[in-house]
Amino acid sequence: MASWQKIYATRNPAEASIIQGMLEENEVPVQIMNKQDSSYLNFGDIELYVPGHLMEMAKRLLEKTPLHE
């Protein structure tokens, strides 16, 4: 099985969910690792990971989103 690579990090849960949905709609599996502090949401990130062999495809899809500015 291919290793998972970090493709995106944000502090906004809604943004992470939108990116996850967009990738999954394009048949790219996504794993989310929430590293935010549960009491202070301004500490830590929400990281999105994709399989290494799909990383280039995921990057191309991410570049097309308005969130990626």
C-alpha atoms as a PDB file:
ATOM      1  CA  MET A   1       0.000   0.000   0.000  1.00  0.00           C
ATOM      2  CA  ALA A   2       1.267   3.452  -0.900  1.00  0.00           C
ATOM      3  CA  SER A   3       2.230   5.893   1.803  1.00  0.00           C
ATOM      4  CA  TRP A   4      -0.042   8.856   2.500  1.00  0.00           C
ATOM      5  CA  GLN A   5       1.276  12.354   1.797  1.00  0.00           C
ATOM      6  CA  LYS A   6       0.096  15.657   3.238  1.00  0.00           C
ATOM      7  CA  ILE A   7      -1.578  17.719   0.535  1.00  0.00           C
ATOM      8  CA  TYR A   8      -3.146  20.574   2.491  1.00  0.00           C
ATOM      9  CA  ALA A   9      -3.339  22.146   5.956  1.00  0.00           C
ATOM     10  CA  THR A  10      -5.818  24.672   7.315  1.00  0.00           C
ATOM     11  CA  ARG A  11      -7.275  25.900  10.583  1.00  0.00           C
ATOM     12  CA  ASN A  12     -10.758  26.126   9.109  1.00  0.00           C
ATOM     13  CA  PRO A  13     -12.840  22.911   9.508  1.00  0.00           C
ATOM     14  CA  ALA A  14     -15.290  23.985   6.775  1.00  0.00           C
ATOM     15  CA  GLU A  15     -12.428  24.529   4.315  1.00  0.00           C
ATOM     16  CA  ALA A  16     -10.991  21.091   5.117  1.00  0.00           C
ATOM     17  CA  SER A  17     -14.414  19.525   4.548  1.00  0.00           C
ATOM     18  CA  ILE A  18     -14.873  21.292   1.194  1.00  0.00           C
ATOM     19  CA  ILE A  19     -11.444  20.152  -0.035  1.00  0.00           C
ATOM     20  CA  GLN A  20     -12.111  16.610   1.189  1.00  0.00           C
ATOM     21  CA  GLY A  21     -15.426  16.510  -0.675  1.00  0.00           C
ATOM     22  CA  MET A  22     -13.906  17.864  -3.883  1.00  0.00           C
ATOM     23  CA  LEU A  23     -11.104  15.291  -3.824  1.00  0.00           C
ATOM     24  CA  GLU A  24     -13.452  12.407  -3.031  1.00  0.00           C
ATOM     25  CA  GLU A  25     -15.796  13.470  -5.872  1.00  0.00           C
ATOM     26  CA  ASN A  26     -12.785  13.035  -8.154  1.00  0.00           C
ATOM     27  CA  GLU A  27     -12.080   9.565  -6.729  1.00  0.00           C
ATOM     28  CA  VAL A  28      -9.084  10.619  -4.632  1.00  0.00           C
ATOM     29  CA  PRO A  29      -9.277   9.041  -1.150  1.00  0.00           C
ATOM     30  CA  VAL A  30      -8.590  11.484   1.679  1.00  0.00           C
ATOM     31  CA  GLN A  31      -7.632  11.072   5.327  1.00  0.00           C
ATOM     32  CA  ILE A  32      -8.006  14.002   7.715  1.00  0.00           C
ATOM     33  CA  MET A  33      -5.813  14.443  10.758  1.00  0.00           C
ATOM     34  CA  ASN A  34      -7.158  17.097  13.102  1.00  0.00           C
ATOM     35  CA  LYS A  35      -4.260  18.454  15.167  1.00  0.00           C
ATOM     36  CA  GLN A  36      -6.210  21.404  16.553  1.00  0.00           C
ATOM     37  CA  ASP A  37      -6.352  21.947  20.284  1.00  0.00           C
ATOM     38  CA  SER A  38      -9.888  21.155  21.430  1.00  0.00           C
ATOM     39  CA  SER A  39     -10.010  24.209  23.720  1.00  0.00           C
ATOM     40  CA  TYR A  40      -8.129  26.754  21.615  1.00  0.00           C
ATOM     41  CA  LEU A  41      -8.853  26.283  17.928  1.00  0.00           C
ATOM     42  CA  ASN A  42      -6.190  28.779  16.893  1.00  0.00           C
ATOM     43  CA  PHE A  43      -3.516  26.225  17.906  1.00  0.00           C
ATOM     44  CA  GLY A  44      -2.804  23.473  15.416  1.00  0.00           C
ATOM     45  CA  ASP A  45      -3.966  22.587  11.931  1.00  0.00           C
ATOM     46  CA  ILE A  46      -6.307  20.213  10.191  1.00  0.00           C
ATOM     47  CA  GLU A  47      -4.197  18.258   7.715  1.00  0.00           C
ATOM     48  CA  LEU A  48      -5.438  16.406   4.623  1.00  0.00           C
ATOM     49  CA  TYR A  49      -3.542  13.383   3.316  1.00  0.00           C
ATOM     50  CA  VAL A  50      -3.831  11.485   0.024  1.00  0.00           C
ATOM     51  CA  PRO A  51      -2.106   8.310  -1.209  1.00  0.00           C
ATOM     52  CA  GLY A  52       1.344   9.126  -2.570  1.00  0.00           C
ATOM     53  CA  HIS A  53       0.576   7.796  -6.051  1.00  0.00           C
ATOM     54  CA  LEU A  54      -2.373  10.241  -6.349  1.00  0.00           C
ATOM     55  CA  MET A  55      -0.562  13.294  -4.990  1.00  0.00           C
ATOM     56  CA  GLU A  56       0.063  14.967  -8.368  1.00  0.00           C
ATOM     57  CA  MET A  57      -3.568  14.516  -9.386  1.00  0.00           C
ATOM     58  CA  ALA A  58      -4.716  15.913  -6.038  1.00  0.00           C
ATOM     59  CA  LYS A  59      -2.417  18.937  -6.416  1.00  0.00           C
ATOM     60  CA  ARG A  60      -3.826  19.673  -9.883  1.00  0.00           C
ATOM     61  CA  LEU A  61      -7.390  19.465  -8.539  1.00  0.00           C
ATOM     62  CA  LEU A  62      -6.492  21.662  -5.588  1.00  0.00           C
ATOM     63  CA  GLU A  63      -5.034  24.342  -7.857  1.00  0.00           C
ATOM     64  CA  LYS A  64      -8.416  24.623  -9.581  1.00  0.00           C
ATOM     65  CA  THR A  65     -10.305  25.444  -6.366  1.00  0.00           C
ATOM     66  CA  PRO A  66     -10.989  29.054  -5.323  1.00  0.00           C
ATOM     67  CA  LEU A  67      -9.807  28.159  -1.803  1.00  0.00           C
ATOM     68  CA  HIS A  68      -6.263  27.643  -3.074  1.00  0.00           C
ATOM     69  CA  GLU A  69      -5.245  31.301  -3.422  1.00  0.00           C
END
